[in-house]
Amino acid sequence: MPDIMLTRIDNRLVHGQVGVAWTGTLGCNLIVVADDIAAKDPIQQSLMTATAKSSGCGIRFFTLEKTIAVIHKASANQHIFLVVRNPQSARKLVEGNVPIDKLCIGNMHVGPGKEVVGDAHVYMDEQDKADLRAIKEKGVNIYIQIAPGDRQIPFNE
């Protein structure tokens, strides 16, 4: 069983807050970015790699399908911080039997048809909420938490 310390939704994926504050709080040594776009974009990867290195973490970029295929091969000494872009990606991983027991919702940008949910940095539409409800039905603890020191706001939509 892979040691997934936390799975986080953040549409910025790995940036300063994720790369420093979260990795330090979790004590992870590997960030896995499960994202079809970032897995194919060397520019995004180089920026995220620099952030990960500054916190002393390794980083891997996998498509969602590859994450589902390889996550169970993780070694016992890999303490994984799994980062996805949106609820749709998280749902795909959960339905692909990636062992996610808690899902932290971070930054989700404003967009057409999206409304604030729980925190000023979190905007969701009906599809986001439906995906999160489906994940919750699988027994995953879902909460909103922007920074490690912030209180956790349970997702109850």
N, C-alpha and C. Protein backbone atom coordinates (compact mmCIF):
# COMPACT_ATOMS: atom_id res chain seq x y z
N MET A 1 0.85 -1.19 0.00
CA MET A 1 0.00 0.00 0.00
C MET A 1 0.89 1.25 0.00
N PRO A 2 0.72 2.12 -0.97
CA PRO A 2 1.54 3.33 -0.99
C PRO A 2 1.22 4.25 0.19
N ASP A 3 2.23 4.95 0.67
CA ASP A 3 2.05 5.89 1.78
C ASP A 3 1.69 7.26 1.23
N ILE A 4 0.38 7.44 0.94
CA ILE A 4 -0.10 8.73 0.47
C ILE A 4 -0.49 9.52 1.72
N MET A 5 0.34 10.48 2.07
CA MET A 5 0.14 11.25 3.30
C MET A 5 -1.04 12.20 3.18
N LEU A 6 -1.19 12.77 1.99
CA LEU A 6 -2.29 13.71 1.74
C LEU A 6 -2.48 13.83 0.23
N THR A 7 -3.74 13.96 -0.17
CA THR A 7 -4.07 14.30 -1.55
C THR A 7 -4.70 15.68 -1.50
N ARG A 8 -4.24 16.57 -2.38
CA ARG A 8 -4.70 17.96 -2.36
C ARG A 8 -5.15 18.39 -3.75
N ILE A 9 -6.29 19.08 -3.78
CA ILE A 9 -6.75 19.72 -5.00
C ILE A 9 -6.25 21.16 -4.96
N ASP A 10 -5.50 21.55 -5.96
CA ASP A 10 -5.05 22.95 -6.08
C ASP A 10 -4.85 23.20 -7.56
N ASN A 11 -5.63 24.14 -8.13
CA ASN A 11 -5.51 24.30 -9.57
C ASN A 11 -4.20 24.94 -10.01
N ARG A 12 -3.38 25.34 -9.04
CA ARG A 12 -2.04 25.82 -9.36
C ARG A 12 -1.02 24.69 -9.26
N LEU A 13 -1.48 23.53 -8.82
CA LEU A 13 -0.64 22.34 -8.61
C LEU A 13 0.45 22.66 -7.60
N VAL A 14 1.73 22.62 -7.99
CA VAL A 14 2.82 22.86 -7.04
C VAL A 14 3.31 24.29 -7.21
N HIS A 15 3.20 25.06 -6.15
CA HIS A 15 3.66 26.46 -6.13
C HIS A 15 4.28 26.67 -4.76
N GLY A 16 4.63 27.87 -4.41
CA GLY A 16 5.34 28.13 -3.16
C GLY A 16 4.67 27.56 -1.94
N GLN A 17 3.36 27.78 -1.79
CA GLN A 17 2.64 27.30 -0.60
C GLN A 17 2.67 25.77 -0.52
N VAL A 18 2.40 25.11 -1.64
CA VAL A 18 2.42 23.65 -1.65
C VAL A 18 3.85 23.14 -1.45
N GLY A 19 4.78 23.77 -2.17
CA GLY A 19 6.16 23.28 -2.17
C GLY A 19 6.89 23.48 -0.86
N VAL A 20 6.51 24.47 -0.08
CA VAL A 20 7.22 24.75 1.17
C VAL A 20 6.36 24.45 2.38
N ALA A 21 5.23 25.14 2.52
CA ALA A 21 4.42 24.99 3.73
C ALA A 21 3.86 23.58 3.88
N TRP A 22 3.22 23.05 2.84
CA TRP A 22 2.59 21.74 2.96
C TRP A 22 3.62 20.62 3.08
N THR A 23 4.65 20.65 2.27
CA THR A 23 5.64 19.56 2.34
C THR A 23 6.33 19.56 3.70
N GLY A 24 6.62 20.74 4.24
CA GLY A 24 7.24 20.82 5.57
C GLY A 24 6.33 20.29 6.66
N THR A 25 5.06 20.64 6.59
CA THR A 25 4.10 20.19 7.60
C THR A 25 3.88 18.68 7.51
N LEU A 26 3.79 18.16 6.30
CA LEU A 26 3.52 16.73 6.12
C LEU A 26 4.73 15.86 6.40
N GLY A 27 5.92 16.38 6.13
CA GLY A 27 7.12 15.56 6.24
C GLY A 27 7.24 14.56 5.10
N CYS A 28 6.67 14.89 3.95
CA CYS A 28 6.75 13.98 2.80
C CYS A 28 8.12 14.11 2.13
N ASN A 29 8.45 13.13 1.31
CA ASN A 29 9.71 13.21 0.56
C ASN A 29 9.49 13.09 -0.95
N LEU A 30 8.23 12.96 -1.36
CA LEU A 30 7.93 12.87 -2.78
C LEU A 30 6.59 13.54 -3.07
N ILE A 31 6.60 14.44 -4.04
CA ILE A 31 5.36 15.04 -4.54
C ILE A 31 5.03 14.34 -5.85
N VAL A 32 3.82 13.82 -5.95
CA VAL A 32 3.36 13.25 -7.22
C VAL A 32 2.28 14.18 -7.76
N VAL A 33 2.56 14.76 -8.92
CA VAL A 33 1.60 15.61 -9.61
C VAL A 33 0.87 14.71 -10.60
N ALA A 34 -0.40 14.45 -10.33
CA ALA A 34 -1.22 13.62 -11.21
C ALA A 34 -2.07 14.55 -12.06
N ASP A 35 -1.59 14.83 -13.26
CA ASP A 35 -2.26 15.81 -14.11
C ASP A 35 -1.87 15.57 -15.57
N ASP A 36 -2.87 15.38 -16.42
CA ASP A 36 -2.60 15.08 -17.83
C ASP A 36 -1.89 16.21 -18.55
N ILE A 37 -2.17 17.46 -18.19
CA ILE A 37 -1.54 18.60 -18.86
C ILE A 37 -0.10 18.76 -18.39
N ALA A 38 0.12 18.81 -17.09
CA ALA A 38 1.48 19.01 -16.56
C ALA A 38 2.41 17.86 -16.94
N ALA A 39 1.85 16.65 -17.07
CA ALA A 39 2.68 15.48 -17.41
C ALA A 39 3.32 15.63 -18.79
N LYS A 40 2.76 16.52 -19.61
CA LYS A 40 3.27 16.69 -20.98
C LYS A 40 3.90 18.08 -21.21
N ASP A 41 4.05 18.87 -20.15
CA ASP A 41 4.50 20.26 -20.31
C ASP A 41 5.81 20.50 -19.56
N PRO A 42 6.95 20.45 -20.29
CA PRO A 42 8.25 20.60 -19.63
C PRO A 42 8.44 21.95 -18.93
N ILE A 43 7.77 22.99 -19.39
CA ILE A 43 7.92 24.31 -18.75
C ILE A 43 7.26 24.28 -17.37
N GLN A 44 6.02 23.79 -17.30
CA GLN A 44 5.36 23.65 -16.00
C GLN A 44 6.19 22.76 -15.08
N GLN A 45 6.72 21.68 -15.63
CA GLN A 45 7.50 20.74 -14.81
C GLN A 45 8.75 21.39 -14.25
N SER A 46 9.44 22.20 -15.05
CA SER A 46 10.68 22.80 -14.55
C SER A 46 10.40 23.78 -13.41
N LEU A 47 9.32 24.54 -13.50
CA LEU A 47 8.96 25.47 -12.43
C LEU A 47 8.59 24.71 -11.16
N MET A 48 7.79 23.67 -11.30
CA MET A 48 7.37 22.89 -10.13
C MET A 48 8.54 22.12 -9.52
N THR A 49 9.45 21.66 -10.36
CA THR A 49 10.62 20.93 -9.88
C THR A 49 11.50 21.84 -9.02
N ALA A 50 11.67 23.08 -9.45
CA ALA A 50 12.46 24.04 -8.67
C ALA A 50 11.84 24.26 -7.30
N THR A 51 10.52 24.38 -7.25
CA THR A 51 9.82 24.56 -5.98
C THR A 51 10.00 23.33 -5.09
N ALA A 52 9.84 22.14 -5.66
CA ALA A 52 9.99 20.91 -4.88
C ALA A 52 11.41 20.78 -4.33
N LYS A 53 12.40 21.08 -5.17
CA LYS A 53 13.80 20.96 -4.73
C LYS A 53 14.09 21.91 -3.58
N SER A 54 13.49 23.09 -3.60
CA SER A 54 13.73 24.06 -2.52
C SER A 54 13.24 23.53 -1.17
N SER A 55 12.33 22.58 -1.20
CA SER A 55 11.83 22.00 0.06
C SER A 55 12.43 20.63 0.33
N GLY A 56 13.36 20.20 -0.51
CA GLY A 56 14.02 18.91 -0.29
C GLY A 56 13.20 17.70 -0.69
N CYS A 57 12.20 17.91 -1.53
CA CYS A 57 11.34 16.81 -1.97
C CYS A 57 11.67 16.41 -3.40
N GLY A 58 11.50 15.13 -3.67
CA GLY A 58 11.50 14.69 -5.06
C GLY A 58 10.15 15.00 -5.66
N ILE A 59 10.06 14.97 -6.99
CA ILE A 59 8.77 15.24 -7.65
C ILE A 59 8.67 14.38 -8.89
N ARG A 60 7.46 13.88 -9.14
CA ARG A 60 7.17 13.10 -10.35
C ARG A 60 5.92 13.69 -10.99
N PHE A 61 5.88 13.60 -12.31
CA PHE A 61 4.72 14.08 -13.07
C PHE A 61 4.15 12.92 -13.85
N PHE A 62 2.91 12.54 -13.51
CA PHE A 62 2.26 11.42 -14.18
C PHE A 62 0.90 11.86 -14.70
N THR A 63 0.46 11.25 -15.80
CA THR A 63 -0.92 11.42 -16.21
C THR A 63 -1.78 10.73 -15.16
N LEU A 64 -3.07 10.97 -15.20
CA LEU A 64 -3.97 10.31 -14.25
C LEU A 64 -3.92 8.79 -14.44
N GLU A 65 -3.93 8.33 -15.68
CA GLU A 65 -3.89 6.89 -15.96
C GLU A 65 -2.59 6.27 -15.46
N LYS A 66 -1.47 6.96 -15.66
CA LYS A 66 -0.19 6.40 -15.19
C LYS A 66 -0.15 6.37 -13.67
N THR A 67 -0.71 7.39 -13.02
CA THR A 67 -0.76 7.39 -11.56
C THR A 67 -1.52 6.16 -11.07
N ILE A 68 -2.67 5.89 -11.68
CA ILE A 68 -3.47 4.72 -11.30
C ILE A 68 -2.66 3.44 -11.52
N ALA A 69 -1.90 3.40 -12.60
CA ALA A 69 -1.14 2.20 -12.95
C ALA A 69 0.08 1.97 -12.05
N VAL A 70 0.74 3.05 -11.59
CA VAL A 70 2.03 2.86 -10.89
C VAL A 70 2.02 3.16 -9.39
N ILE A 71 0.99 3.79 -8.87
CA ILE A 71 1.03 4.24 -7.47
C ILE A 71 1.21 3.07 -6.50
N HIS A 72 0.68 1.91 -6.85
CA HIS A 72 0.79 0.75 -5.96
C HIS A 72 2.20 0.16 -5.96
N LYS A 73 3.05 0.63 -6.86
CA LYS A 73 4.44 0.16 -6.92
C LYS A 73 5.37 1.05 -6.09
N ALA A 74 4.82 2.06 -5.43
CA ALA A 74 5.65 2.98 -4.62
C ALA A 74 6.35 2.19 -3.53
N SER A 75 7.58 2.59 -3.24
CA SER A 75 8.31 1.89 -2.18
C SER A 75 7.86 2.40 -0.82
N ALA A 76 8.13 1.60 0.21
CA ALA A 76 7.70 1.94 1.56
C ALA A 76 8.34 3.22 2.08
N ASN A 77 9.51 3.58 1.55
CA ASN A 77 10.18 4.79 2.03
C ASN A 77 9.75 6.05 1.27
N GLN A 78 8.80 5.92 0.36
CA GLN A 78 8.26 7.09 -0.33
C GLN A 78 7.02 7.56 0.43
N HIS A 79 7.13 8.76 0.98
CA HIS A 79 6.02 9.37 1.73
C HIS A 79 5.44 10.44 0.81
N ILE A 80 4.30 10.14 0.23
CA ILE A 80 3.79 10.84 -0.96
C ILE A 80 2.77 11.92 -0.63
N PHE A 81 2.99 13.07 -1.24
CA PHE A 81 2.02 14.16 -1.26
C PHE A 81 1.48 14.19 -2.69
N LEU A 82 0.23 13.80 -2.86
CA LEU A 82 -0.39 13.67 -4.17
C LEU A 82 -1.17 14.95 -4.48
N VAL A 83 -0.87 15.58 -5.60
CA VAL A 83 -1.49 16.85 -5.96
C VAL A 83 -2.22 16.72 -7.30
N VAL A 84 -3.48 17.14 -7.31
CA VAL A 84 -4.29 17.14 -8.54
C VAL A 84 -4.85 18.53 -8.77
N ARG A 85 -5.30 18.77 -10.00
CA ARG A 85 -5.77 20.09 -10.39
C ARG A 85 -7.21 20.39 -9.98
N ASN A 86 -8.08 19.35 -9.98
CA ASN A 86 -9.50 19.60 -9.77
C ASN A 86 -10.21 18.36 -9.23
N PRO A 87 -11.48 18.53 -8.82
CA PRO A 87 -12.24 17.38 -8.29
C PRO A 87 -12.41 16.25 -9.31
N GLN A 88 -12.50 16.57 -10.59
CA GLN A 88 -12.65 15.55 -11.62
C GLN A 88 -11.44 14.61 -11.61
N SER A 89 -10.24 15.18 -11.48
CA SER A 89 -9.02 14.35 -11.43
C SER A 89 -9.01 13.49 -10.17
N ALA A 90 -9.37 14.08 -9.04
CA ALA A 90 -9.40 13.32 -7.79
C ALA A 90 -10.37 12.16 -7.89
N ARG A 91 -11.53 12.40 -8.47
CA ARG A 91 -12.53 11.34 -8.62
C ARG A 91 -12.00 10.21 -9.50
N LYS A 92 -11.33 10.57 -10.57
CA LYS A 92 -10.78 9.55 -11.47
C LYS A 92 -9.78 8.67 -10.72
N LEU A 93 -8.95 9.26 -9.87
CA LEU A 93 -7.97 8.49 -9.11
C LEU A 93 -8.67 7.58 -8.10
N VAL A 94 -9.65 8.12 -7.37
CA VAL A 94 -10.38 7.33 -6.38
C VAL A 94 -11.08 6.15 -7.07
N GLU A 95 -11.73 6.42 -8.19
CA GLU A 95 -12.43 5.36 -8.91
C GLU A 95 -11.45 4.37 -9.56
N GLY A 96 -10.19 4.80 -9.72
CA GLY A 96 -9.15 3.91 -10.23
C GLY A 96 -8.43 3.16 -9.13
N ASN A 97 -9.00 3.18 -7.93
CA ASN A 97 -8.48 2.45 -6.77
C ASN A 97 -7.16 2.98 -6.22
N VAL A 98 -6.89 4.26 -6.42
CA VAL A 98 -5.76 4.88 -5.73
C VAL A 98 -6.22 5.05 -4.27
N PRO A 99 -5.43 4.56 -3.31
CA PRO A 99 -5.89 4.58 -1.91
C PRO A 99 -5.81 5.96 -1.27
N ILE A 100 -6.85 6.74 -1.48
CA ILE A 100 -6.95 8.09 -0.94
C ILE A 100 -7.94 8.05 0.21
N ASP A 101 -7.48 8.41 1.42
CA ASP A 101 -8.40 8.40 2.56
C ASP A 101 -8.82 9.80 2.98
N LYS A 102 -8.01 10.80 2.60
CA LYS A 102 -8.40 12.19 2.88
C LYS A 102 -8.04 13.07 1.69
N LEU A 103 -8.91 14.03 1.44
CA LEU A 103 -8.76 14.92 0.30
C LEU A 103 -8.89 16.35 0.80
N CYS A 104 -7.81 17.10 0.64
CA CYS A 104 -7.75 18.49 1.07
C CYS A 104 -8.01 19.38 -0.14
N ILE A 105 -9.02 20.21 -0.04
CA ILE A 105 -9.33 21.14 -1.11
C ILE A 105 -8.61 22.45 -0.83
N GLY A 106 -7.76 22.84 -1.77
CA GLY A 106 -7.06 24.11 -1.68
C GLY A 106 -7.66 25.08 -2.67
N ASN A 107 -6.80 25.80 -3.35
CA ASN A 107 -7.24 26.84 -4.27
C ASN A 107 -8.01 26.28 -5.46
N MET A 108 -9.22 26.78 -5.69
CA MET A 108 -9.99 26.48 -6.89
C MET A 108 -10.50 27.82 -7.41
N HIS A 109 -9.99 28.20 -8.58
CA HIS A 109 -10.25 29.53 -9.13
C HIS A 109 -11.71 29.76 -9.51
N VAL A 110 -12.06 31.04 -9.52
CA VAL A 110 -13.37 31.48 -9.97
C VAL A 110 -13.49 31.18 -11.47
N GLY A 111 -14.71 30.94 -11.90
CA GLY A 111 -14.96 30.69 -13.32
C GLY A 111 -16.46 30.76 -13.57
N PRO A 112 -16.86 30.64 -14.84
CA PRO A 112 -18.29 30.70 -15.17
C PRO A 112 -19.08 29.62 -14.43
N GLY A 113 -20.16 30.05 -13.78
CA GLY A 113 -21.02 29.11 -13.08
C GLY A 113 -20.48 28.63 -11.75
N LYS A 114 -19.37 29.20 -11.29
CA LYS A 114 -18.77 28.76 -10.02
C LYS A 114 -19.12 29.75 -8.91
N GLU A 115 -19.33 29.21 -7.71
CA GLU A 115 -19.64 30.03 -6.55
C GLU A 115 -18.69 29.69 -5.41
N VAL A 116 -18.54 30.61 -4.48
CA VAL A 116 -17.67 30.38 -3.33
C VAL A 116 -18.27 29.28 -2.45
N VAL A 117 -17.42 28.36 -2.02
CA VAL A 117 -17.83 27.28 -1.12
C VAL A 117 -16.83 27.23 0.03
N GLY A 118 -17.27 27.57 1.23
CA GLY A 118 -16.45 27.38 2.42
C GLY A 118 -15.33 28.36 2.67
N ASP A 119 -14.66 28.82 1.63
CA ASP A 119 -13.52 29.72 1.79
C ASP A 119 -13.45 30.61 0.56
N ALA A 120 -12.94 31.81 0.74
CA ALA A 120 -12.88 32.79 -0.34
C ALA A 120 -12.01 32.33 -1.52
N HIS A 121 -11.16 31.32 -1.32
CA HIS A 121 -10.28 30.84 -2.39
C HIS A 121 -10.83 29.63 -3.12
N VAL A 122 -12.05 29.20 -2.75
CA VAL A 122 -12.60 27.97 -3.31
C VAL A 122 -13.91 28.26 -4.03
N TYR A 123 -13.88 28.04 -5.35
CA TYR A 123 -15.06 28.24 -6.20
C TYR A 123 -15.41 26.91 -6.85
N MET A 124 -16.69 26.55 -6.78
CA MET A 124 -17.13 25.28 -7.36
C MET A 124 -18.39 25.48 -8.18
N ASP A 125 -18.53 24.60 -9.19
CA ASP A 125 -19.80 24.53 -9.91
C ASP A 125 -20.46 23.20 -9.54
N GLU A 126 -21.60 22.93 -10.15
CA GLU A 126 -22.35 21.71 -9.78
C GLU A 126 -21.57 20.45 -10.10
N GLN A 127 -20.77 20.45 -11.18
CA GLN A 127 -19.98 19.26 -11.52
C GLN A 127 -18.91 19.00 -10.46
N ASP A 128 -18.25 20.08 -10.00
CA ASP A 128 -17.25 19.93 -8.93
C ASP A 128 -17.89 19.29 -7.70
N LYS A 129 -19.05 19.81 -7.31
CA LYS A 129 -19.74 19.30 -6.12
C LYS A 129 -20.16 17.84 -6.31
N ALA A 130 -20.64 17.51 -7.51
CA ALA A 130 -21.06 16.12 -7.78
C ALA A 130 -19.86 15.18 -7.69
N ASP A 131 -18.72 15.60 -8.24
CA ASP A 131 -17.52 14.77 -8.17
C ASP A 131 -17.07 14.58 -6.73
N LEU A 132 -17.11 15.64 -5.94
CA LEU A 132 -16.71 15.54 -4.54
C LEU A 132 -17.68 14.67 -3.74
N ARG A 133 -18.97 14.78 -4.02
CA ARG A 133 -19.94 13.92 -3.34
C ARG A 133 -19.68 12.44 -3.67
N ALA A 134 -19.34 12.15 -4.92
CA ALA A 134 -19.04 10.77 -5.33
C ALA A 134 -17.80 10.25 -4.60
N ILE A 135 -16.82 11.11 -4.42
CA ILE A 135 -15.60 10.73 -3.69
C ILE A 135 -15.94 10.48 -2.22
N LYS A 136 -16.74 11.37 -1.65
CA LYS A 136 -17.13 11.25 -0.24
C LYS A 136 -17.89 9.95 0.00
N GLU A 137 -18.72 9.55 -0.97
CA GLU A 137 -19.50 8.30 -0.85
C GLU A 137 -18.58 7.08 -0.78
N LYS A 138 -17.34 7.22 -1.25
CA LYS A 138 -16.36 6.11 -1.18
C LYS A 138 -15.64 6.10 0.17
N GLY A 139 -16.07 6.98 1.10
CA GLY A 139 -15.49 6.98 2.44
C GLY A 139 -14.30 7.91 2.62
N VAL A 140 -14.07 8.79 1.66
CA VAL A 140 -12.94 9.72 1.75
C VAL A 140 -13.35 10.93 2.59
N ASN A 141 -12.50 11.31 3.54
CA ASN A 141 -12.70 12.50 4.35
C ASN A 141 -12.31 13.72 3.50
N ILE A 142 -13.25 14.60 3.21
CA ILE A 142 -12.99 15.77 2.36
C ILE A 142 -13.16 17.04 3.17
N TYR A 143 -12.16 17.91 3.05
CA TYR A 143 -12.24 19.19 3.75
C TYR A 143 -11.50 20.27 2.96
N ILE A 144 -11.87 21.51 3.26
CA ILE A 144 -11.21 22.67 2.66
C ILE A 144 -10.19 23.18 3.66
N GLN A 145 -8.97 23.39 3.19
CA GLN A 145 -7.92 23.97 4.04
C GLN A 145 -6.90 24.62 3.11
N ILE A 146 -6.82 25.92 3.15
CA ILE A 146 -5.95 26.64 2.23
C ILE A 146 -4.48 26.50 2.62
N ALA A 147 -4.16 26.77 3.86
CA ALA A 147 -2.77 26.67 4.33
C ALA A 147 -2.75 25.72 5.53
N PRO A 148 -1.58 25.10 5.80
CA PRO A 148 -1.51 24.11 6.87
C PRO A 148 -2.01 24.61 8.24
N GLY A 149 -1.82 25.87 8.56
CA GLY A 149 -2.24 26.38 9.86
C GLY A 149 -3.71 26.77 9.93
N ASP A 150 -4.39 26.77 8.79
CA ASP A 150 -5.81 27.14 8.76
C ASP A 150 -6.67 26.01 9.31
N ARG A 151 -7.85 26.37 9.79
CA ARG A 151 -8.77 25.32 10.26
C ARG A 151 -9.31 24.56 9.06
N GLN A 152 -9.65 23.31 9.29
CA GLN A 152 -10.24 22.49 8.26
C GLN A 152 -11.75 22.73 8.25
N ILE A 153 -12.28 23.00 7.06
CA ILE A 153 -13.71 23.20 6.89
C ILE A 153 -14.26 21.97 6.19
N PRO A 154 -15.09 21.16 6.87
CA PRO A 154 -15.62 19.94 6.25
C PRO A 154 -16.41 20.27 4.98
N PHE A 155 -16.25 19.43 3.97
CA PHE A 155 -17.06 19.58 2.74
C PHE A 155 -18.39 18.90 2.99
N ASN A 156 -19.45 19.68 3.02
CA ASN A 156 -20.79 19.15 3.30
C ASN A 156 -21.82 19.59 2.26
N GLU A 157 -21.42 19.68 1.02
CA GLU A 157 -22.38 20.12 -0.02
C GLU A 157 -23.29 19.00 -0.44
